[in-house]
C-alpha atoms as a PDB file:
ATOM      1  CA  UNK A   1     -23.622 -19.942 -36.387  1.00  0.00           C
ATOM      2  CA  UNK A   2     -20.232 -20.570 -34.483  1.00  0.00           C
ATOM      3  CA  UNK A   3     -18.611 -24.122 -33.895  1.00  0.00           C
ATOM      4  CA  UNK A   4     -16.860 -24.657 -30.434  1.00  0.00           C
ATOM      5  CA  UNK A   5     -13.147 -25.420 -30.693  1.00  0.00           C
ATOM      6  CA  UNK A   6     -13.868 -28.796 -29.339  1.00  0.00           C
ATOM      7  CA  UNK A   7     -15.404 -31.715 -31.466  1.00  0.00           C
ATOM      8  CA  UNK A   8     -19.015 -31.011 -32.299  1.00  0.00           C
ATOM      9  CA  UNK A   9     -20.598 -33.479 -34.509  1.00  0.00           C
ATOM     10  CA  UNK A  10     -23.842 -31.804 -34.644  1.00  0.00           C
ATOM     11  CA  UNK A  11     -22.242 -28.821 -35.986  1.00  0.00           C
ATOM     12  CA  UNK A  12     -20.253 -30.828 -38.688  1.00  0.00           C
ATOM     13  CA  UNK A  13     -23.465 -32.489 -40.129  1.00  0.00           C
ATOM     14  CA  UNK A  14     -24.427 -29.331 -41.004  1.00  0.00           C
ATOM     15  CA  UNK A  15     -21.817 -28.532 -43.473  1.00  0.00           C
ATOM     16  CA  UNK A  16     -22.104 -29.108 -47.251  1.00  0.00           C
ATOM     17  CA  UNK A  17     -19.218 -31.255 -48.307  1.00  0.00           C
ATOM     18  CA  UNK A  18     -20.742 -32.220 -51.565  1.00  0.00           C
ATOM     19  CA  UNK A  19     -20.595 -29.148 -53.215  1.00  0.00           C
ATOM     20  CA  UNK A  20     -16.996 -28.453 -53.103  1.00  0.00           C
ATOM     21  CA  UNK A  21     -16.067 -32.347 -53.459  1.00  0.00           C
ATOM     22  CA  UNK A  22     -15.328 -32.850 -50.020  1.00  0.00           C
ATOM     23  CA  UNK A  23     -13.575 -29.724 -49.484  1.00  0.00           C
ATOM     24  CA  UNK A  24     -14.739 -26.289 -47.935  1.00  0.00           C
ATOM     25  CA  UNK A  25     -12.839 -22.825 -48.436  1.00  0.00           C
ATOM     26  CA  UNK A  26     -11.901 -21.449 -45.120  1.00  0.00           C
ATOM     27  CA  UNK A  27     -11.220 -17.911 -44.894  1.00  0.00           C
ATOM     28  CA  UNK A  28      -8.810 -16.953 -41.775  1.00  0.00           C
ATOM     29  CA  UNK A  29      -9.081 -13.900 -39.963  1.00  0.00           C
ATOM     30  CA  UNK A  30      -7.031 -12.554 -37.092  1.00  0.00           C
ATOM     31  CA  UNK A  31      -9.424 -12.135 -34.417  1.00  0.00           C
ATOM     32  CA  UNK A  32      -7.824  -9.148 -32.642  1.00  0.00           C
ATOM     33  CA  UNK A  33      -7.258  -7.119 -35.952  1.00  0.00           C
ATOM     34  CA  UNK A  34      -9.723  -8.644 -38.134  1.00  0.00           C
ATOM     35  CA  UNK A  35      -6.867  -8.952 -40.440  1.00  0.00           C
ATOM     36  CA  UNK A  36      -7.609 -11.140 -43.299  1.00  0.00           C
ATOM     37  CA  UNK A  37      -4.800 -13.745 -43.012  1.00  0.00           C
ATOM     38  CA  UNK A  38      -4.993 -16.542 -45.800  1.00  0.00           C
ATOM     39  CA  UNK A  39      -7.475 -18.616 -47.328  1.00  0.00           C
ATOM     40  CA  UNK A  40      -7.188 -22.644 -47.397  1.00  0.00           C
ATOM     41  CA  UNK A  41      -9.235 -25.552 -47.896  1.00  0.00           C
ATOM     42  CA  UNK A  42     -10.734 -28.173 -45.259  1.00  0.00           C
ATOM     43  CA  UNK A  43     -11.999 -31.611 -45.436  1.00  0.00           C
ATOM     44  CA  UNK A  44     -14.139 -33.207 -42.679  1.00  0.00           C
ATOM     45  CA  UNK A  45     -10.768 -34.715 -41.509  1.00  0.00           C
ATOM     46  CA  UNK A  46      -8.721 -31.627 -41.300  1.00  0.00           C
ATOM     47  CA  UNK A  47     -11.663 -29.644 -39.800  1.00  0.00           C
ATOM     48  CA  UNK A  48     -11.972 -32.412 -36.987  1.00  0.00           C
ATOM     49  CA  UNK A  49      -7.955 -32.119 -36.310  1.00  0.00           C
ATOM     50  CA  UNK A  50      -8.232 -28.156 -36.085  1.00  0.00           C
ATOM     51  CA  UNK A  51     -11.154 -28.800 -33.589  1.00  0.00           C
ATOM     52  CA  UNK A  52      -9.309 -31.438 -31.649  1.00  0.00           C
ATOM     53  CA  UNK A  53      -5.852 -29.556 -31.478  1.00  0.00           C
ATOM     54  CA  UNK A  54      -6.846 -25.931 -31.380  1.00  0.00           C
ATOM     55  CA  UNK A  55      -4.544 -24.992 -34.337  1.00  0.00           C
ATOM     56  CA  UNK A  56      -5.851 -24.650 -37.894  1.00  0.00           C
ATOM     57  CA  UNK A  57      -5.619 -27.510 -40.131  1.00  0.00           C
ATOM     58  CA  UNK A  58      -6.204 -27.660 -43.992  1.00  0.00           C
ATOM     59  CA  UNK A  59      -6.173 -30.378 -46.502  1.00  0.00           C
ATOM     60  CA  UNK A  60      -3.307 -29.672 -49.025  1.00  0.00           C
ATOM     61  CA  UNK A  61      -4.476 -29.727 -52.534  1.00  0.00           C
ATOM     62  CA  UNK A  62      -0.880 -29.870 -53.626  1.00  0.00           C
ATOM     63  CA  UNK A  63       0.411 -32.260 -50.968  1.00  0.00           C
ATOM     64  CA  UNK A  64      -2.847 -34.599 -51.027  1.00  0.00           C
ATOM     65  CA  UNK A  65      -2.824 -34.769 -47.276  1.00  0.00           C
ATOM     66  CA  UNK A  66      -3.789 -32.779 -43.961  1.00  0.00           C
ATOM     67  CA  UNK A  67      -1.513 -29.978 -43.352  1.00  0.00           C
ATOM     68  CA  UNK A  68      -1.161 -27.796 -40.095  1.00  0.00           C
ATOM     69  CA  UNK A  69      -0.443 -24.072 -40.650  1.00  0.00           C
ATOM     70  CA  UNK A  70       3.004 -23.787 -39.134  1.00  0.00           C
ATOM     71  CA  UNK A  71       3.740 -27.438 -38.675  1.00  0.00           C
ATOM     72  CA  UNK A  72       7.366 -26.482 -39.519  1.00  0.00           C
ATOM     73  CA  UNK A  73       7.924 -22.659 -38.711  1.00  0.00           C
ATOM     74  CA  UNK A  74       5.924 -22.742 -35.755  1.00  0.00           C
ATOM     75  CA  UNK A  75       3.698 -19.878 -37.124  1.00  0.00           C
ATOM     76  CA  UNK A  76       0.480 -21.883 -36.140  1.00  0.00           C
ATOM     77  CA  UNK A  77      -2.770 -20.405 -36.468  1.00  0.00           C
ATOM     78  CA  UNK A  78      -4.392 -20.885 -32.753  1.00  0.00           C
ATOM     79  CA  UNK A  79      -8.264 -21.067 -33.560  1.00  0.00           C
ATOM     80  CA  UNK A  80     -10.763 -19.132 -31.417  1.00  0.00           C
ATOM     81  CA  UNK A  81     -13.920 -19.608 -33.105  1.00  0.00           C
ATOM     82  CA  UNK A  82     -15.098 -20.759 -36.611  1.00  0.00           C
ATOM     83  CA  UNK A  83     -18.381 -19.444 -38.301  1.00  0.00           C
ATOM     84  CA  UNK A  84     -20.367 -21.110 -41.168  1.00  0.00           C
ATOM     85  CA  UNK A  85     -21.794 -19.080 -43.906  1.00  0.00           C
ATOM     86  CA  UNK A  86     -25.580 -19.077 -44.788  1.00  0.00           C
ATOM     87  CA  UNK A  87     -25.049 -21.716 -47.600  1.00  0.00           C
ATOM     88  CA  UNK A  88     -23.121 -23.858 -45.099  1.00  0.00           C
ATOM     89  CA  UNK A  89     -20.229 -24.555 -47.599  1.00  0.00           C
ATOM     90  CA  UNK A  90     -17.423 -21.576 -46.449  1.00  0.00           C
ATOM     91  CA  UNK A  91     -15.810 -21.418 -43.282  1.00  0.00           C
ATOM     92  CA  UNK A  92     -14.623 -18.206 -41.438  1.00  0.00           C
ATOM     93  CA  UNK A  93     -12.173 -18.789 -38.792  1.00  0.00           C
ATOM     94  CA  UNK A  94     -11.082 -16.306 -36.308  1.00  0.00           C
ATOM     95  CA  UNK A  95      -7.387 -16.911 -34.884  1.00  0.00           C
ATOM     96  CA  UNK A  96      -4.826 -15.861 -33.017  1.00  0.00           C
ATOM     97  CA  UNK A  97      -1.423 -16.181 -35.394  1.00  0.00           C
ATOM     98  CA  UNK A  98       1.865 -16.943 -33.567  1.00  0.00           C
ATOM     99  CA  UNK A  99       3.834 -15.517 -36.152  1.00  0.00           C
ATOM    100  CA  UNK A 100       3.657 -14.455 -39.941  1.00  0.00           C
ATOM    101  CA  UNK A 101       1.064 -16.112 -41.811  1.00  0.00           C
ATOM    102  CA  UNK A 102       2.361 -15.783 -45.195  1.00  0.00           C
ATOM    103  CA  UNK A 103       5.275 -18.202 -46.438  1.00  0.00           C
ATOM    104  CA  UNK A 104       6.851 -14.683 -47.663  1.00  0.00           C
ATOM    105  CA  UNK A 105       7.294 -13.688 -44.123  1.00  0.00           C
ATOM    106  CA  UNK A 106       4.475 -11.126 -44.428  1.00  0.00           C
ATOM    107  CA  UNK A 107       2.004 -10.900 -41.889  1.00  0.00           C
ATOM    108  CA  UNK A 108      -1.167 -11.574 -44.668  1.00  0.00           C
ATOM    109  CA  UNK A 109      -1.021 -13.782 -48.039  1.00  0.00           C
ATOM    110  CA  UNK A 110      -3.060 -10.733 -49.095  1.00  0.00           C
ATOM    111  CA  UNK A 111      -0.912  -7.708 -49.590  1.00  0.00           C
ATOM    112  CA  UNK A 112      -2.674  -4.675 -48.143  1.00  0.00           C
ATOM    113  CA  UNK A 113      -5.478  -6.164 -46.452  1.00  0.00           C
ATOM    114  CA  UNK A 114      -7.376  -3.867 -44.170  1.00  0.00           C
ATOM    115  CA  UNK A 115      -6.854  -4.326 -40.307  1.00  0.00           C
ATOM    116  CA  UNK A 116      -7.882  -2.514 -37.286  1.00  0.00           C
ATOM    117  CA  UNK A 117      -4.883  -0.845 -36.175  1.00  0.00           C
ATOM    118  CA  UNK A 118      -6.052  -0.216 -32.567  1.00  0.00           C
ATOM    119  CA  UNK A 119      -6.639  -4.078 -31.876  1.00  0.00           C
ATOM    120  CA  UNK A 120      -2.888  -4.449 -32.963  1.00  0.00           C
ATOM    121  CA  UNK A 121      -1.799  -1.940 -30.779  1.00  0.00           C
ATOM    122  CA  UNK A 122      -3.878  -3.419 -27.956  1.00  0.00           C
ATOM    123  CA  UNK A 123      -2.145  -6.792 -28.573  1.00  0.00           C
ATOM    124  CA  UNK A 124       1.593  -5.007 -28.748  1.00  0.00           C
ATOM    125  CA  UNK A 125       0.927  -3.572 -25.212  1.00  0.00           C
ATOM    126  CA  UNK A 126      -0.080  -7.200 -23.808  1.00  0.00           C
ATOM    127  CA  UNK A 127       3.312  -8.361 -25.374  1.00  0.00           C
ATOM    128  CA  UNK A 128       5.097  -5.445 -23.719  1.00  0.00           C
ATOM    129  CA  UNK A 129       3.293  -6.001 -20.471  1.00  0.00           C
ATOM    130  CA  UNK A 130       4.359  -9.659 -20.447  1.00  0.00           C
ATOM    131  CA  UNK A 131       7.909  -9.380 -21.345  1.00  0.00           C
ATOM    132  CA  UNK A 132       8.686  -5.860 -20.241  1.00  0.00           C
ATOM    133  CA  UNK A 133      11.505  -5.021 -22.554  1.00  0.00           C
ATOM    134  CA  UNK A 134      14.057  -2.375 -21.399  1.00  0.00           C
ATOM    135  CA  UNK A 135      13.887   1.057 -22.989  1.00  0.00           C
ATOM    136  CA  UNK A 136      10.040   0.630 -23.513  1.00  0.00           C
ATOM    137  CA  UNK A 137       7.974   3.689 -22.335  1.00  0.00           C
ATOM    138  CA  UNK A 138       5.174   1.046 -22.181  1.00  0.00           C
ATOM    139  CA  UNK A 139       7.289  -0.869 -19.870  1.00  0.00           C
ATOM    140  CA  UNK A 140       8.135   2.135 -17.743  1.00  0.00           C
ATOM    141  CA  UNK A 141       4.317   2.590 -17.332  1.00  0.00           C
ATOM    142  CA  UNK A 142       3.445  -1.055 -16.093  1.00  0.00           C
ATOM    143  CA  UNK A 143       6.778  -0.796 -13.653  1.00  0.00           C
ATOM    144  CA  UNK A 144       5.435   2.522 -12.423  1.00  0.00           C
ATOM    145  CA  UNK A 145       2.078   0.773 -11.382  1.00  0.00           C
ATOM    146  CA  UNK A 146      -1.765   1.171 -11.693  1.00  0.00           C
ATOM    147  CA  UNK A 147      -1.858   4.449 -10.169  1.00  0.00           C
ATOM    148  CA  UNK A 148       0.613   6.128 -12.079  1.00  0.00           C
ATOM    149  CA  UNK A 149      -1.014   4.754 -15.260  1.00  0.00           C
ATOM    150  CA  UNK A 150      -4.608   6.081 -14.262  1.00  0.00           C
ATOM    151  CA  UNK A 151      -2.686   9.289 -13.576  1.00  0.00           C
ATOM    152  CA  UNK A 152      -1.511   9.621 -17.239  1.00  0.00           C
ATOM    153  CA  UNK A 153      -4.966   8.487 -18.422  1.00  0.00           C
ATOM    154  CA  UNK A 154      -6.383  11.359 -16.383  1.00  0.00           C
ATOM    155  CA  UNK A 155      -3.767  13.884 -17.424  1.00  0.00           C
ATOM    156  CA  UNK A 156      -4.615  12.928 -21.347  1.00  0.00           C
ATOM    157  CA  UNK A 157      -8.564  12.937 -20.872  1.00  0.00           C
ATOM    158  CA  UNK A 158      -7.825  16.520 -19.641  1.00  0.00           C
ATOM    159  CA  UNK A 159      -5.513  17.675 -22.356  1.00  0.00           C
ATOM    160  CA  UNK A 160      -7.976  16.094 -24.746  1.00  0.00           C
ATOM    161  CA  UNK A 161     -10.983  17.891 -23.580  1.00  0.00           C
ATOM    162  CA  UNK A 162      -8.819  21.183 -23.674  1.00  0.00           C
ATOM    163  CA  UNK A 163      -7.623  20.724 -27.001  1.00  0.00           C
ATOM    164  CA  UNK A 164     -11.348  19.965 -28.079  1.00  0.00           C
ATOM    165  CA  UNK A 165     -12.336  23.616 -26.817  1.00  0.00           C
ATOM    166  CA  UNK A 166      -9.319  25.715 -27.530  1.00  0.00           C
ATOM    167  CA  UNK A 167      -7.146  23.836 -30.267  1.00  0.00           C
ATOM    168  CA  UNK A 168      -7.100  22.858 -33.951  1.00  0.00           C
ATOM    169  CA  UNK A 169      -8.090  19.561 -35.131  1.00  0.00           C
ATOM    170  CA  UNK A 170      -4.321  18.380 -35.080  1.00  0.00           C
ATOM    171  CA  UNK A 171      -3.807  18.894 -31.459  1.00  0.00           C
ATOM    172  CA  UNK A 172      -7.092  17.270 -30.931  1.00  0.00           C
ATOM    173  CA  UNK A 173      -6.274  14.250 -32.549  1.00  0.00           C
ATOM    174  CA  UNK A 174      -2.737  14.159 -31.211  1.00  0.00           C
ATOM    175  CA  UNK A 175      -4.249  14.392 -27.526  1.00  0.00           C
ATOM    176  CA  UNK A 176      -7.349  11.672 -28.391  1.00  0.00           C
ATOM    177  CA  UNK A 177      -4.330   9.269 -29.529  1.00  0.00           C
ATOM    178  CA  UNK A 178      -2.548   9.716 -26.573  1.00  0.00           C
ATOM    179  CA  UNK A 179      -5.668   8.922 -24.508  1.00  0.00           C
ATOM    180  CA  UNK A 180      -6.382   5.853 -26.334  1.00  0.00           C
ATOM    181  CA  UNK A 181      -2.855   4.416 -26.187  1.00  0.00           C
ATOM    182  CA  UNK A 182      -2.743   5.072 -22.230  1.00  0.00           C
ATOM    183  CA  UNK A 183      -6.075   3.696 -21.759  1.00  0.00           C
ATOM    184  CA  UNK A 184      -5.298   0.334 -23.536  1.00  0.00           C
ATOM    185  CA  UNK A 185      -2.025   0.673 -20.893  1.00  0.00           C
ATOM    186  CA  UNK A 186      -4.577   1.033 -18.030  1.00  0.00           C
ATOM    187  CA  UNK A 187      -7.218  -1.735 -19.084  1.00  0.00           C
ATOM    188  CA  UNK A 188      -4.328  -4.285 -19.467  1.00  0.00           C
ATOM    189  CA  UNK A 189      -2.645  -3.346 -16.064  1.00  0.00           C
ATOM    190  CA  UNK A 190      -5.855  -4.250 -14.551  1.00  0.00           C
ATOM    191  CA  UNK A 191      -6.017  -7.586 -16.637  1.00  0.00           C
ATOM    192  CA  UNK A 192      -8.295  -6.246 -19.224  1.00  0.00           C
ATOM    193  CA  UNK A 193      -8.016  -5.565 -23.001  1.00  0.00           C
ATOM    194  CA  UNK A 194      -9.955  -3.691 -25.856  1.00  0.00           C
ATOM    195  CA  UNK A 195     -12.010  -6.656 -26.773  1.00  0.00           C
ATOM    196  CA  UNK A 196     -13.502  -6.622 -23.066  1.00  0.00           C
ATOM    197  CA  UNK A 197     -14.404  -2.697 -23.742  1.00  0.00           C
ATOM    198  CA  UNK A 198     -15.969  -3.441 -27.049  1.00  0.00           C
ATOM    199  CA  UNK A 199     -18.236  -6.246 -25.689  1.00  0.00           C
ATOM    200  CA  UNK A 200     -19.577  -3.732 -23.464  1.00  0.00           C
ATOM    201  CA  UNK A 201     -20.103  -1.332 -26.081  1.00  0.00           C
ATOM    202  CA  UNK A 202     -21.820  -4.020 -28.096  1.00  0.00           C
ATOM    203  CA  UNK A 203     -24.187  -5.676 -25.506  1.00  0.00           C
ATOM    204  CA  UNK A 204     -25.225  -1.535 -24.709  1.00  0.00           C
ATOM    205  CA  UNK A 205     -25.757  -1.011 -28.568  1.00  0.00           C
ATOM    206  CA  UNK A 206     -28.317  -4.245 -28.512  1.00  0.00           C
END
C-alpha cells in the first residue's frame, strides 16, 4: 500500500501505533538509486507533517520533538512515496535527497549499502542537462542538439553489435556501457528518464 504525499486520514488509520509506543520505524530509500539512506522513527504528528510539507519529518527520540531532516543543513529528503509493510508497523519511504543524508557527510548512514549505479548516473545526466557545466562531455552533447545525440546512440549501437559478433567480452562491455550512457542522454534530451523506460518494461512484464 502506498500513501499519497498529501494528508490521508484513511491511510493513517491503518497504522499500528501501539506496537511501538506511538512510534514507527521508517526506512528511507533513494527513489532513483534504491540506496538505503537512513532509519528514523515517526510519530503520527511527524508523519502528518511529512505528508503536509513533503519533506521527511521524524520524531527525534533524543531531542523529544519533531525533526525535519535537513532543517539546519538544507539536506532535506523530498518524499516521493510511502509504503506500509504487511503488519502496518513499519514504513518504507522513497525520497529524493537534496544532499548527503548522513551527519558525517556520507551519502548514506549505512556504509556500503548497495545501490543502482545506473539510476545514479541518470540523475547525474539530469544535473548536467540543467546546469550545463563547461568542460563536460555531457554538456557538449546537449549543446550539440537532439540529432547529434541520436547519431551518437546509433553509432554506439552499431559498435556494440559489432563487438558482440567479432570482439571479446571486454570490448563488448565497453561498447555496451557507451551505448547505455548515450541512451540516457538521449532520453533526457527528450524530457524523459531511465525511470520512464523502466515503467514501460514493468508494464510489459506484467
